[in-house]
Amino acid sequence: MDGPKGGLELGVRRRKKQVEIPRNQDGLYQPYIKDGKKITEIARFNPVEVFFAGFIPPVVGSVSAIAIALIFHNDEISNYNWQCGRARLPSLSRIINLPVERTFWQLFLLFHVPLRVVELITGFNRYDRLRNIHYPRVWFYELMRYTYLYGGLVELLFLSGLSIIGERENIRMHVIFFYVFGICGIVFMIANIMCHKHSLYYLNPYGPLSYRLKILFCSLYIISVPVLIGSFVLYWKFCITWAYDVFAICEYSGVFLNIMYHGCAFFDIRHKVTFTVRLVEDASKHREHRPPPEPFVVDDHIDDDTDSTPSYEMIVTKDPNGNEARRVDKG
């Protein structure tokens, strides 16, 4: 029988509606059983809101600390005995030594750390599930996935360390924390790019854009490293005064490039991730107290351009063990 493709023998178009677990008035799933576990959804969070809660604080903390120092406390930062002449711009370490600037820096930078941990764990798990099955080097992908997780965690650890232990507490430890933070940041960026390229995160519409932005910010971040080290050496070894200004600008740029790189997570989780809080219990403990199963109805209509379009109703019931029984009645 010749007829329109994709339809039934009647030649009509089907509009499928996925069968879902019923939700309550708050939009949360009703308790359901999966793999012998009773799962109760307690809360759900918008992924974009979670992203901005982790992205905005470090931006505010960094901009506030640098702006307050340069506008209101420039003399306090610059008015000391410079070995090779007074520079125009202070280093980031000297900025977060001041009481007000340090308060803004620590308050906002440390606030976002727990959310970054959630981001890392989420990315680590999703990279596992979304790996491109056609990528042959699975061992290398797994190596990058674990490097992504542990590199990111160490980066956060040393970011917290250099924020808490400043120059005035222990200058040697502060410098070590700063450079280890930078190295771990580069390692994390490269591992993230590799996992992104060989996973379903690379798919349209936002995957290629996120991938290119990550490469851009990572490349600029890496380029800034030799410039930062070279300008530092030029000032302290050869007393070239303007080199310290270049060093300070590289420090400011490195902070914001790091933040912008992590901002690419917006494209990775938008419309792709849902954050929920769920209570998971052993279903066998609740079988004796479960009420009789009630059917829930999901309509699966068949559309046509005429008024005589047939419709169907799918009846789905569950027994106390969580097994589904379905039947389709013609409306």
C-alpha atoms as a PDB file:
ATOM      1  CA  MET A   1       0.000   0.000   0.000  1.00  0.00           C
ATOM      2  CA  ASP A   2       1.405   3.375  -1.013  1.00  0.00           C
ATOM      3  CA  GLY A   3       1.040   6.176   1.460  1.00  0.00           C
ATOM      4  CA  PRO A   4       2.878   8.860   3.291  1.00  0.00           C
ATOM      5  CA  LYS A   5       6.076   7.672   4.900  1.00  0.00           C
ATOM      6  CA  GLY A   6       6.433   7.487   8.665  1.00  0.00           C
ATOM      7  CA  GLY A   7       2.713   6.826   9.298  1.00  0.00           C
ATOM      8  CA  LEU A   8       0.419   3.880   9.931  1.00  0.00           C
ATOM      9  CA  GLU A   9      -1.513   2.051   7.231  1.00  0.00           C
ATOM     10  CA  LEU A  10      -4.104   4.815   7.431  1.00  0.00           C
ATOM     11  CA  GLY A  11      -1.497   7.213   6.114  1.00  0.00           C
ATOM     12  CA  VAL A  12      -1.641   9.555   9.123  1.00  0.00           C
ATOM     13  CA  ARG A  13       1.198  11.203  11.006  1.00  0.00           C
ATOM     14  CA  ARG A  14       2.006  10.083  14.534  1.00  0.00           C
ATOM     15  CA  ARG A  15       2.806  12.509  17.296  1.00  0.00           C
ATOM     16  CA  LYS A  16       4.522  10.566  20.059  1.00  0.00           C
ATOM     17  CA  LYS A  17       4.374  11.657  23.635  1.00  0.00           C
ATOM     18  CA  GLN A  18       6.932  10.047  25.937  1.00  0.00           C
ATOM     19  CA  VAL A  19       5.549   8.179  28.906  1.00  0.00           C
ATOM     20  CA  GLU A  20       6.865   9.884  32.027  1.00  0.00           C
ATOM     21  CA  ILE A  21       6.606   9.373  35.748  1.00  0.00           C
ATOM     22  CA  PRO A  22       3.838  11.619  37.160  1.00  0.00           C
ATOM     23  CA  ARG A  23       4.861  14.821  38.940  1.00  0.00           C
ATOM     24  CA  ASN A  24       3.338  16.633  41.881  1.00  0.00           C
ATOM     25  CA  GLN A  25       2.162  20.248  42.026  1.00  0.00           C
ATOM     26  CA  ASP A  26       5.732  21.449  42.612  1.00  0.00           C
ATOM     27  CA  GLY A  27       6.964  19.789  39.412  1.00  0.00           C
ATOM     28  CA  LEU A  28       8.891  17.075  41.274  1.00  0.00           C
ATOM     29  CA  TYR A  29       8.644  13.396  40.367  1.00  0.00           C
ATOM     30  CA  GLN A  30       6.357  11.231  42.420  1.00  0.00           C
ATOM     31  CA  PRO A  31       8.210   8.474  44.334  1.00  0.00           C
ATOM     32  CA  TYR A  32       9.100   5.627  41.972  1.00  0.00           C
ATOM     33  CA  ILE A  33      11.003   2.335  42.073  1.00  0.00           C
ATOM     34  CA  LYS A  34      14.085   1.626  39.963  1.00  0.00           C
ATOM     35  CA  ASP A  35      16.499  -1.309  40.293  1.00  0.00           C
ATOM     36  CA  GLY A  36      14.974  -2.292  43.626  1.00  0.00           C
ATOM     37  CA  LYS A  37      15.340   1.212  45.072  1.00  0.00           C
ATOM     38  CA  LYS A  38      12.601   3.619  46.030  1.00  0.00           C
ATOM     39  CA  ILE A  39      13.583   7.073  44.776  1.00  0.00           C
ATOM     40  CA  THR A  40      11.956  10.210  46.145  1.00  0.00           C
ATOM     41  CA  GLU A  41      12.863  13.543  44.582  1.00  0.00           C
ATOM     42  CA  ILE A  42      13.160  16.238  47.250  1.00  0.00           C
ATOM     43  CA  ALA A  43      14.330  19.319  45.313  1.00  0.00           C
ATOM     44  CA  ARG A  44      15.354  20.378  41.814  1.00  0.00           C
ATOM     45  CA  PHE A  45      17.611  23.249  40.754  1.00  0.00           C
ATOM     46  CA  ASN A  46      17.856  25.123  37.482  1.00  0.00           C
ATOM     47  CA  PRO A  47      21.318  24.350  35.978  1.00  0.00           C
ATOM     48  CA  VAL A  48      21.740  27.902  34.660  1.00  0.00           C
ATOM     49  CA  GLU A  49      21.104  29.320  38.135  1.00  0.00           C
ATOM     50  CA  VAL A  50      23.621  26.875  39.609  1.00  0.00           C
ATOM     51  CA  PHE A  51      26.150  27.942  36.970  1.00  0.00           C
ATOM     52  CA  PHE A  52      25.784  31.659  37.699  1.00  0.00           C
ATOM     53  CA  ALA A  53      25.984  30.986  41.437  1.00  0.00           C
ATOM     54  CA  GLY A  54      29.438  29.530  40.798  1.00  0.00           C
ATOM     55  CA  PHE A  55      30.526  31.933  38.028  1.00  0.00           C
ATOM     56  CA  ILE A  56      29.550  35.389  39.289  1.00  0.00           C
ATOM     57  CA  PRO A  57      31.242  35.325  42.764  1.00  0.00           C
ATOM     58  CA  PRO A  58      34.845  34.935  41.491  1.00  0.00           C
ATOM     59  CA  VAL A  59      34.226  37.667  38.893  1.00  0.00           C
ATOM     60  CA  VAL A  60      32.888  40.026  41.552  1.00  0.00           C
ATOM     61  CA  GLY A  61      35.656  39.152  44.014  1.00  0.00           C
ATOM     62  CA  SER A  62      38.477  39.623  41.492  1.00  0.00           C
ATOM     63  CA  VAL A  63      37.171  42.843  39.935  1.00  0.00           C
ATOM     64  CA  SER A  64      36.310  44.340  43.332  1.00  0.00           C
ATOM     65  CA  ALA A  65      39.705  43.576  44.868  1.00  0.00           C
ATOM     66  CA  ILE A  66      41.711  44.948  41.923  1.00  0.00           C
ATOM     67  CA  ALA A  67      39.491  48.015  41.400  1.00  0.00           C
ATOM     68  CA  ILE A  68      39.434  49.014  45.094  1.00  0.00           C
ATOM     69  CA  ALA A  69      43.206  48.647  45.325  1.00  0.00           C
ATOM     70  CA  LEU A  70      43.976  50.728  42.229  1.00  0.00           C
ATOM     71  CA  ILE A  71      41.416  53.450  42.949  1.00  0.00           C
ATOM     72  CA  PHE A  72      41.472  53.875  46.730  1.00  0.00           C
ATOM     73  CA  HIS A  73      44.660  52.256  48.030  1.00  0.00           C
ATOM     74  CA  ASN A  74      47.207  52.829  45.288  1.00  0.00           C
ATOM     75  CA  ASP A  75      49.625  54.683  47.582  1.00  0.00           C
ATOM     76  CA  GLU A  76      49.500  51.956  50.231  1.00  0.00           C
ATOM     77  CA  ILE A  77      50.456  49.345  47.645  1.00  0.00           C
ATOM     78  CA  SER A  78      53.106  51.322  45.796  1.00  0.00           C
ATOM     79  CA  ASN A  79      54.672  53.350  48.590  1.00  0.00           C
ATOM     80  CA  TYR A  80      57.451  51.022  49.719  1.00  0.00           C
ATOM     81  CA  ASN A  81      61.094  50.456  48.896  1.00  0.00           C
ATOM     82  CA  TRP A  82      61.271  49.026  45.399  1.00  0.00           C
ATOM     83  CA  GLN A  83      64.558  47.370  44.534  1.00  0.00           C
ATOM     84  CA  CYS A  84      64.605  48.584  40.931  1.00  0.00           C
ATOM     85  CA  GLY A  85      62.305  51.596  40.977  1.00  0.00           C
ATOM     86  CA  ARG A  86      58.635  52.151  41.678  1.00  0.00           C
ATOM     87  CA  ALA A  87      56.250  50.374  39.294  1.00  0.00           C
ATOM     88  CA  ARG A  88      52.841  51.692  38.327  1.00  0.00           C
ATOM     89  CA  LEU A  89      50.859  48.486  38.877  1.00  0.00           C
ATOM     90  CA  PRO A  90      51.024  46.223  41.941  1.00  0.00           C
ATOM     91  CA  SER A  91      51.049  42.439  41.773  1.00  0.00           C
ATOM     92  CA  LEU A  92      47.937  40.483  42.663  1.00  0.00           C
ATOM     93  CA  SER A  93      49.661  39.091  45.759  1.00  0.00           C
ATOM     94  CA  ARG A  94      50.220  42.608  47.119  1.00  0.00           C
ATOM     95  CA  ILE A  95      46.618  43.544  46.385  1.00  0.00           C
ATOM     96  CA  ILE A  96      45.086  40.699  48.399  1.00  0.00           C
ATOM     97  CA  ASN A  97      47.383  41.571  51.297  1.00  0.00           C
ATOM     98  CA  LEU A  98      45.319  44.688  52.046  1.00  0.00           C
ATOM     99  CA  PRO A  99      42.459  44.159  54.552  1.00  0.00           C
ATOM    100  CA  VAL A 100      39.514  45.373  52.428  1.00  0.00           C
ATOM    101  CA  GLU A 101      40.699  43.784  49.200  1.00  0.00           C
ATOM    102  CA  ARG A 102      41.471  40.550  50.991  1.00  0.00           C
ATOM    103  CA  THR A 103      37.958  40.418  52.418  1.00  0.00           C
ATOM    104  CA  PHE A 104      36.364  40.721  48.974  1.00  0.00           C
ATOM    105  CA  TRP A 105      38.785  38.227  47.446  1.00  0.00           C
ATOM    106  CA  GLN A 106      38.353  35.540  50.113  1.00  0.00           C
ATOM    107  CA  LEU A 107      34.611  36.006  50.547  1.00  0.00           C
ATOM    108  CA  PHE A 108      33.695  35.572  46.886  1.00  0.00           C
ATOM    109  CA  LEU A 109      36.487  33.248  45.721  1.00  0.00           C
ATOM    110  CA  LEU A 110      36.048  30.752  48.548  1.00  0.00           C
ATOM    111  CA  PHE A 111      32.243  30.903  48.253  1.00  0.00           C
ATOM    112  CA  HIS A 112      32.303  29.411  44.761  1.00  0.00           C
ATOM    113  CA  VAL A 113      34.606  26.480  45.634  1.00  0.00           C
ATOM    114  CA  PRO A 114      31.838  24.001  46.698  1.00  0.00           C
ATOM    115  CA  LEU A 115      29.901  24.699  43.500  1.00  0.00           C
ATOM    116  CA  ARG A 116      33.025  24.105  41.442  1.00  0.00           C
ATOM    117  CA  VAL A 117      33.384  20.722  43.155  1.00  0.00           C
ATOM    118  CA  VAL A 118      29.809  19.884  42.081  1.00  0.00           C
ATOM    119  CA  GLU A 119      30.693  20.963  38.538  1.00  0.00           C
ATOM    120  CA  LEU A 120      33.769  18.719  38.505  1.00  0.00           C
ATOM    121  CA  ILE A 121      31.918  15.642  39.784  1.00  0.00           C
ATOM    122  CA  THR A 122      29.079  16.231  37.323  1.00  0.00           C
ATOM    123  CA  GLY A 123      31.463  16.605  34.389  1.00  0.00           C
ATOM    124  CA  PHE A 124      33.478  13.552  35.443  1.00  0.00           C
ATOM    125  CA  ASN A 125      30.364  11.330  35.527  1.00  0.00           C
ATOM    126  CA  ARG A 126      28.835  12.713  32.344  1.00  0.00           C
ATOM    127  CA  TYR A 127      32.070  12.370  30.392  1.00  0.00           C
ATOM    128  CA  ASP A 128      31.922   8.683  31.287  1.00  0.00           C
ATOM    129  CA  ARG A 129      28.367   8.261  29.985  1.00  0.00           C
ATOM    130  CA  LEU A 130      28.742  10.502  26.929  1.00  0.00           C
ATOM    131  CA  ARG A 131      32.004   9.199  25.493  1.00  0.00           C
ATOM    132  CA  ASN A 132      31.983   8.908  21.717  1.00  0.00           C
ATOM    133  CA  ILE A 133      31.892   5.150  21.085  1.00  0.00           C
ATOM    134  CA  HIS A 134      33.767   5.625  17.795  1.00  0.00           C
ATOM    135  CA  TYR A 135      36.839   7.082  19.510  1.00  0.00           C
ATOM    136  CA  PRO A 136      39.350   4.181  19.551  1.00  0.00           C
ATOM    137  CA  ARG A 137      41.745   5.291  22.320  1.00  0.00           C
ATOM    138  CA  VAL A 138      39.520   4.577  25.304  1.00  0.00           C
ATOM    139  CA  TRP A 139      42.506   4.327  27.673  1.00  0.00           C
ATOM    140  CA  PHE A 140      43.634   7.832  26.735  1.00  0.00           C
ATOM    141  CA  TYR A 141      40.106   9.195  27.144  1.00  0.00           C
ATOM    142  CA  GLU A 142      39.866   7.643  30.613  1.00  0.00           C
ATOM    143  CA  LEU A 143      43.273   9.084  31.516  1.00  0.00           C
ATOM    144  CA  MET A 144      42.086  12.569  30.494  1.00  0.00           C
ATOM    145  CA  ARG A 145      38.810  12.096  32.364  1.00  0.00           C
ATOM    146  CA  TYR A 146      40.590  11.330  35.643  1.00  0.00           C
ATOM    147  CA  THR A 147      43.100  14.115  34.965  1.00  0.00           C
ATOM    148  CA  TYR A 148      40.124  16.453  34.519  1.00  0.00           C
ATOM    149  CA  LEU A 149      38.758  15.492  37.935  1.00  0.00           C
ATOM    150  CA  TYR A 150      41.930  15.406  40.021  1.00  0.00           C
ATOM    151  CA  GLY A 151      43.582  18.313  38.195  1.00  0.00           C
ATOM    152  CA  GLY A 152      40.504  20.434  38.861  1.00  0.00           C
ATOM    153  CA  LEU A 153      40.369  19.454  42.535  1.00  0.00           C
ATOM    154  CA  VAL A 154      44.071  20.256  43.071  1.00  0.00           C
ATOM    155  CA  GLU A 155      43.605  23.569  41.269  1.00  0.00           C
ATOM    156  CA  LEU A 156      40.803  24.469  43.685  1.00  0.00           C
ATOM    157  CA  LEU A 157      42.887  23.345  46.662  1.00  0.00           C
ATOM    158  CA  PHE A 158      45.814  25.603  45.798  1.00  0.00           C
ATOM    159  CA  LEU A 159      43.519  28.494  44.848  1.00  0.00           C
ATOM    160  CA  SER A 160      42.082  28.278  48.356  1.00  0.00           C
ATOM    161  CA  GLY A 161      45.595  28.014  49.791  1.00  0.00           C
ATOM    162  CA  LEU A 162      46.976  31.132  48.076  1.00  0.00           C
ATOM    163  CA  SER A 163      43.815  33.035  49.047  1.00  0.00           C
ATOM    164  CA  ILE A 164      44.161  32.154  52.740  1.00  0.00           C
ATOM    165  CA  ILE A 165      47.963  32.237  53.057  1.00  0.00           C
ATOM    166  CA  GLY A 166      49.171  35.552  51.657  1.00  0.00           C
ATOM    167  CA  GLU A 167      52.560  37.216  51.454  1.00  0.00           C
ATOM    168  CA  ARG A 168      52.299  38.559  54.978  1.00  0.00           C
ATOM    169  CA  GLU A 169      51.725  35.068  56.444  1.00  0.00           C
ATOM    170  CA  ASN A 170      54.296  33.096  54.471  1.00  0.00           C
ATOM    171  CA  ILE A 171      55.593  34.527  51.221  1.00  0.00           C
ATOM    172  CA  ARG A 172      57.395  31.327  50.212  1.00  0.00           C
ATOM    173  CA  MET A 173      54.303  29.132  50.566  1.00  0.00           C
ATOM    174  CA  HIS A 174      52.165  31.771  48.856  1.00  0.00           C
ATOM    175  CA  VAL A 175      54.439  31.801  45.800  1.00  0.00           C
ATOM    176  CA  ILE A 176      54.493  27.991  45.660  1.00  0.00           C
ATOM    177  CA  PHE A 177      50.684  27.851  45.889  1.00  0.00           C
ATOM    178  CA  PHE A 178      50.404  30.435  43.119  1.00  0.00           C
ATOM    179  CA  TYR A 179      52.583  28.540  40.639  1.00  0.00           C
ATOM    180  CA  VAL A 180      51.092  25.120  41.426  1.00  0.00           C
ATOM    181  CA  PHE A 181      47.635  26.652  40.923  1.00  0.00           C
ATOM    182  CA  GLY A 182      48.692  27.919  37.494  1.00  0.00           C
ATOM    183  CA  ILE A 183      50.198  24.578  36.417  1.00  0.00           C
ATOM    184  CA  CYS A 184      47.156  22.596  37.577  1.00  0.00           C
ATOM    185  CA  GLY A 185      44.919  25.077  35.767  1.00  0.00           C
ATOM    186  CA  ILE A 186      46.687  24.355  32.457  1.00  0.00           C
ATOM    187  CA  VAL A 187      46.548  20.580  33.041  1.00  0.00           C
ATOM    188  CA  PHE A 188      42.818  20.783  33.830  1.00  0.00           C
ATOM    189  CA  MET A 189      42.094  22.889  30.733  1.00  0.00           C
ATOM    190  CA  ILE A 190      43.875  20.501  28.358  1.00  0.00           C
ATOM    191  CA  ALA A 191      42.185  17.418  29.864  1.00  0.00           C
ATOM    192  CA  ASN A 192      38.783  19.104  29.653  1.00  0.00           C
ATOM    193  CA  ILE A 193      39.327  20.013  25.995  1.00  0.00           C
ATOM    194  CA  MET A 194      40.318  16.449  25.109  1.00  0.00           C
ATOM    195  CA  CYS A 195      37.282  14.933  26.849  1.00  0.00           C
ATOM    196  CA  HIS A 196      34.980  17.517  25.283  1.00  0.00           C
ATOM    197  CA  LYS A 197      36.284  16.782  21.773  1.00  0.00           C
ATOM    198  CA  HIS A 198      35.694  13.017  22.029  1.00  0.00           C
ATOM    199  CA  SER A 199      32.331  13.021  23.794  1.00  0.00           C
ATOM    200  CA  LEU A 200      28.770  13.939  22.917  1.00  0.00           C
ATOM    201  CA  TYR A 201      29.405  17.360  24.445  1.00  0.00           C
ATOM    202  CA  TYR A 202      30.882  18.239  21.047  1.00  0.00           C
ATOM    203  CA  LEU A 203      27.496  17.994  19.314  1.00  0.00           C
ATOM    204  CA  ASN A 204      25.533  20.985  18.060  1.00  0.00           C
ATOM    205  CA  PRO A 205      24.226  23.499  18.824  1.00  0.00           C
ATOM    206  CA  TYR A 206      26.608  24.622  21.591  1.00  0.00           C
ATOM    207  CA  GLY A 207      29.281  21.909  21.584  1.00  0.00           C
ATOM    208  CA  PRO A 208      31.576  23.288  18.840  1.00  0.00           C
ATOM    209  CA  LEU A 209      31.272  26.847  20.199  1.00  0.00           C
ATOM    210  CA  SER A 210      32.234  25.749  23.710  1.00  0.00           C
ATOM    211  CA  TYR A 211      35.125  23.716  22.300  1.00  0.00           C
ATOM    212  CA  ARG A 212      36.560  26.657  20.346  1.00  0.00           C
ATOM    213  CA  LEU A 213      36.214  29.046  23.271  1.00  0.00           C
ATOM    214  CA  LYS A 214      38.017  26.597  25.548  1.00  0.00           C
ATOM    215  CA  ILE A 215      40.896  26.341  23.070  1.00  0.00           C
ATOM    216  CA  LEU A 216      41.062  30.152  22.793  1.00  0.00           C
ATOM    217  CA  PHE A 217      41.139  30.832  26.547  1.00  0.00           C
ATOM    218  CA  CYS A 218      43.527  27.921  27.198  1.00  0.00           C
ATOM    219  CA  SER A 219      45.935  29.115  24.483  1.00  0.00           C
ATOM    220  CA  LEU A 220      45.984  32.692  25.812  1.00  0.00           C
ATOM    221  CA  TYR A 221      46.473  31.370  29.341  1.00  0.00           C
ATOM    222  CA  ILE A 222      49.467  29.272  28.260  1.00  0.00           C
ATOM    223  CA  ILE A 223      50.975  32.153  26.241  1.00  0.00           C
ATOM    224  CA  SER A 224      50.767  34.453  29.279  1.00  0.00           C
ATOM    225  CA  VAL A 225      52.982  32.114  31.353  1.00  0.00           C
ATOM    226  CA  PRO A 226      56.359  32.750  29.616  1.00  0.00           C
ATOM    227  CA  VAL A 227      55.532  36.464  29.379  1.00  0.00           C
ATOM    228  CA  LEU A 228      54.831  36.563  33.124  1.00  0.00           C
ATOM    229  CA  ILE A 229      58.037  34.710  34.020  1.00  0.00           C
ATOM    230  CA  GLY A 230      60.157  36.704  31.561  1.00  0.00           C
ATOM    231  CA  SER A 231      58.922  40.086  32.780  1.00  0.00           C
ATOM    232  CA  PHE A 232      59.506  39.045  36.392  1.00  0.00           C
ATOM    233  CA  VAL A 233      63.112  38.141  35.586  1.00  0.00           C
ATOM    234  CA  LEU A 234      63.666  41.375  33.637  1.00  0.00           C
ATOM    235  CA  TYR A 235      62.587  43.466  36.616  1.00  0.00           C
ATOM    236  CA  TRP A 236      64.367  41.681  39.447  1.00  0.00           C
ATOM    237  CA  LYS A 237      67.547  40.727  37.552  1.00  0.00           C
ATOM    238  CA  PHE A 238      67.989  43.604  35.115  1.00  0.00           C
ATOM    239  CA  CYS A 239      65.997  46.378  36.868  1.00  0.00           C
ATOM    240  CA  ILE A 240      63.788  47.206  33.887  1.00  0.00           C
ATOM    241  CA  THR A 241      60.980  49.087  35.635  1.00  0.00           C
ATOM    242  CA  TRP A 242      58.229  48.684  33.026  1.00  0.00           C
ATOM    243  CA  ALA A 243      58.689  44.892  33.127  1.00  0.00           C
ATOM    244  CA  TYR A 244      56.976  44.756  36.516  1.00  0.00           C
ATOM    245  CA  ASP A 245      53.885  46.422  35.028  1.00  0.00           C
ATOM    246  CA  VAL A 246      53.843  43.712  32.364  1.00  0.00           C
ATOM    247  CA  PHE A 247      54.160  41.103  35.105  1.00  0.00           C
ATOM    248  CA  ALA A 248      51.180  42.574  36.983  1.00  0.00           C
ATOM    249  CA  ILE A 249      49.040  42.733  33.827  1.00  0.00           C
ATOM    250  CA  CYS A 250      49.840  39.069  33.121  1.00  0.00           C
ATOM    251  CA  GLU A 251      48.684  38.173  36.639  1.00  0.00           C
ATOM    252  CA  TYR A 252      45.391  40.052  36.192  1.00  0.00           C
ATOM    253  CA  SER A 253      44.885  38.511  32.746  1.00  0.00           C
ATOM    254  CA  GLY A 254      45.610  35.013  34.019  1.00  0.00           C
ATOM    255  CA  VAL A 255      42.913  35.299  36.667  1.00  0.00           C
ATOM    256  CA  PHE A 256      40.269  36.467  34.203  1.00  0.00           C
ATOM    257  CA  LEU A 257      41.258  33.964  31.488  1.00  0.00           C
ATOM    258  CA  ASN A 258      40.877  31.189  34.068  1.00  0.00           C
ATOM    259  CA  ILE A 259      37.436  32.478  35.033  1.00  0.00           C
ATOM    260  CA  MET A 260      36.331  32.821  31.401  1.00  0.00           C
ATOM    261  CA  TYR A 261      37.495  29.286  30.620  1.00  0.00           C
ATOM    262  CA  HIS A 262      35.350  27.899  33.434  1.00  0.00           C
ATOM    263  CA  GLY A 263      32.525  30.081  32.123  1.00  0.00           C
ATOM    264  CA  CYS A 264      32.348  27.792  29.073  1.00  0.00           C
ATOM    265  CA  ALA A 265      30.522  25.352  31.360  1.00  0.00           C
ATOM    266  CA  PHE A 266      27.426  27.453  30.622  1.00  0.00           C
ATOM    267  CA  PHE A 267      27.227  25.904  27.147  1.00  0.00           C
ATOM    268  CA  ASP A 268      28.002  22.421  28.502  1.00  0.00           C
ATOM    269  CA  ILE A 269      25.137  22.239  31.010  1.00  0.00           C
ATOM    270  CA  ARG A 270      22.513  24.472  29.406  1.00  0.00           C
ATOM    271  CA  HIS A 271      19.469  22.312  28.525  1.00  0.00           C
ATOM    272  CA  LYS A 272      21.593  19.207  29.248  1.00  0.00           C
ATOM    273  CA  VAL A 273      21.832  18.832  33.036  1.00  0.00           C
ATOM    274  CA  THR A 274      19.301  18.859  35.867  1.00  0.00           C
ATOM    275  CA  PHE A 275      20.487  19.079  39.469  1.00  0.00           C
ATOM    276  CA  THR A 276      18.239  17.226  41.916  1.00  0.00           C
ATOM    277  CA  VAL A 277      18.315  16.109  45.537  1.00  0.00           C
ATOM    278  CA  ARG A 278      16.896  12.603  45.907  1.00  0.00           C
ATOM    279  CA  LEU A 279      16.256  10.210  48.762  1.00  0.00           C
ATOM    280  CA  VAL A 280      17.162   6.629  47.794  1.00  0.00           C
ATOM    281  CA  GLU A 281      15.794   3.798  49.946  1.00  0.00           C
ATOM    282  CA  ASP A 282      15.495   0.034  49.739  1.00  0.00           C
ATOM    283  CA  ALA A 283      12.165  -0.648  48.045  1.00  0.00           C
ATOM    284  CA  SER A 284      11.632  -3.935  49.916  1.00  0.00           C
ATOM    285  CA  LYS A 285      11.170  -2.032  53.172  1.00  0.00           C
ATOM    286  CA  HIS A 286       8.196  -0.164  51.771  1.00  0.00           C
ATOM    287  CA  ARG A 287       6.281  -2.878  49.943  1.00  0.00           C
ATOM    288  CA  GLU A 288       4.042  -3.753  52.881  1.00  0.00           C
ATOM    289  CA  HIS A 289       2.905  -0.175  53.263  1.00  0.00           C
ATOM    290  CA  ARG A 290       2.431   0.709  49.591  1.00  0.00           C
ATOM    291  CA  PRO A 291      -1.137   1.654  48.578  1.00  0.00           C
ATOM    292  CA  PRO A 292      -2.846  -0.220  45.733  1.00  0.00           C
ATOM    293  CA  PRO A 293      -1.448   0.825  42.341  1.00  0.00           C
ATOM    294  CA  GLU A 294      -3.339   3.547  40.510  1.00  0.00           C
ATOM    295  CA  PRO A 295      -3.085   3.813  36.747  1.00  0.00           C
ATOM    296  CA  PHE A 296      -1.815   7.000  35.191  1.00  0.00           C
ATOM    297  CA  VAL A 297      -2.827   7.880  31.657  1.00  0.00           C
ATOM    298  CA  VAL A 298      -0.673   9.258  28.872  1.00  0.00           C
ATOM    299  CA  ASP A 299      -2.353  10.219  25.613  1.00  0.00           C
ATOM    300  CA  ASP A 300      -0.684   9.231  22.354  1.00  0.00           C
ATOM    301  CA  HIS A 301      -2.691  10.979  19.634  1.00  0.00           C
ATOM    302  CA  ILE A 302      -2.484  10.351  15.903  1.00  0.00           C
ATOM    303  CA  ASP A 303      -2.893  13.557  13.949  1.00  0.00           C
ATOM    304  CA  ASP A 304      -4.342  14.030  10.518  1.00  0.00           C
ATOM    305  CA  ASP A 305      -5.617  16.980   8.617  1.00  0.00           C
ATOM    306  CA  THR A 306      -9.213  15.635   8.710  1.00  0.00           C
ATOM    307  CA  ASP A 307     -11.758  15.570  11.519  1.00  0.00           C
ATOM    308  CA  SER A 308     -11.965  11.761  11.417  1.00  0.00           C
ATOM    309  CA  THR A 309      -8.489  11.328  12.921  1.00  0.00           C
ATOM    310  CA  PRO A 310      -8.415   8.294  15.212  1.00  0.00           C
ATOM    311  CA  SER A 311      -6.951   8.707  18.690  1.00  0.00           C
ATOM    312  CA  TYR A 312      -5.493   6.196  21.058  1.00  0.00           C
ATOM    313  CA  GLU A 313      -5.144   6.099  24.807  1.00  0.00           C
ATOM    314  CA  MET A 314      -2.274   4.274  26.509  1.00  0.00           C
ATOM    315  CA  ILE A 315      -3.095   2.868  29.965  1.00  0.00           C
ATOM    316  CA  VAL A 316      -0.060   2.172  32.121  1.00  0.00           C
ATOM    317  CA  THR A 317      -0.370   0.401  35.496  1.00  0.00           C
ATOM    318  CA  LYS A 318       2.216  -0.744  37.988  1.00  0.00           C
ATOM    319  CA  ASP A 319       2.028  -3.672  40.394  1.00  0.00           C
ATOM    320  CA  PRO A 320       3.530  -3.487  43.933  1.00  0.00           C
ATOM    321  CA  ASN A 321       6.868  -4.755  42.580  1.00  0.00           C
ATOM    322  CA  GLY A 322       7.157  -1.826  40.190  1.00  0.00           C
ATOM    323  CA  ASN A 323       6.501  -3.854  37.014  1.00  0.00           C
ATOM    324  CA  GLU A 324       4.571  -2.017  34.288  1.00  0.00           C
ATOM    325  CA  ALA A 325       1.600  -3.339  32.343  1.00  0.00           C
ATOM    326  CA  ARG A 326       0.417  -1.430  29.296  1.00  0.00           C
ATOM    327  CA  ARG A 327      -2.522  -1.581  26.928  1.00  0.00           C
ATOM    328  CA  VAL A 328      -3.704   0.691  24.139  1.00  0.00           C
ATOM    329  CA  ASP A 329      -7.407   1.487  23.723  1.00  0.00           C
ATOM    330  CA  LYS A 330      -8.849   3.194  20.708  1.00  0.00           C
ATOM    331  CA  GLY A 331     -10.615   6.417  21.625  1.00  0.00           C
END
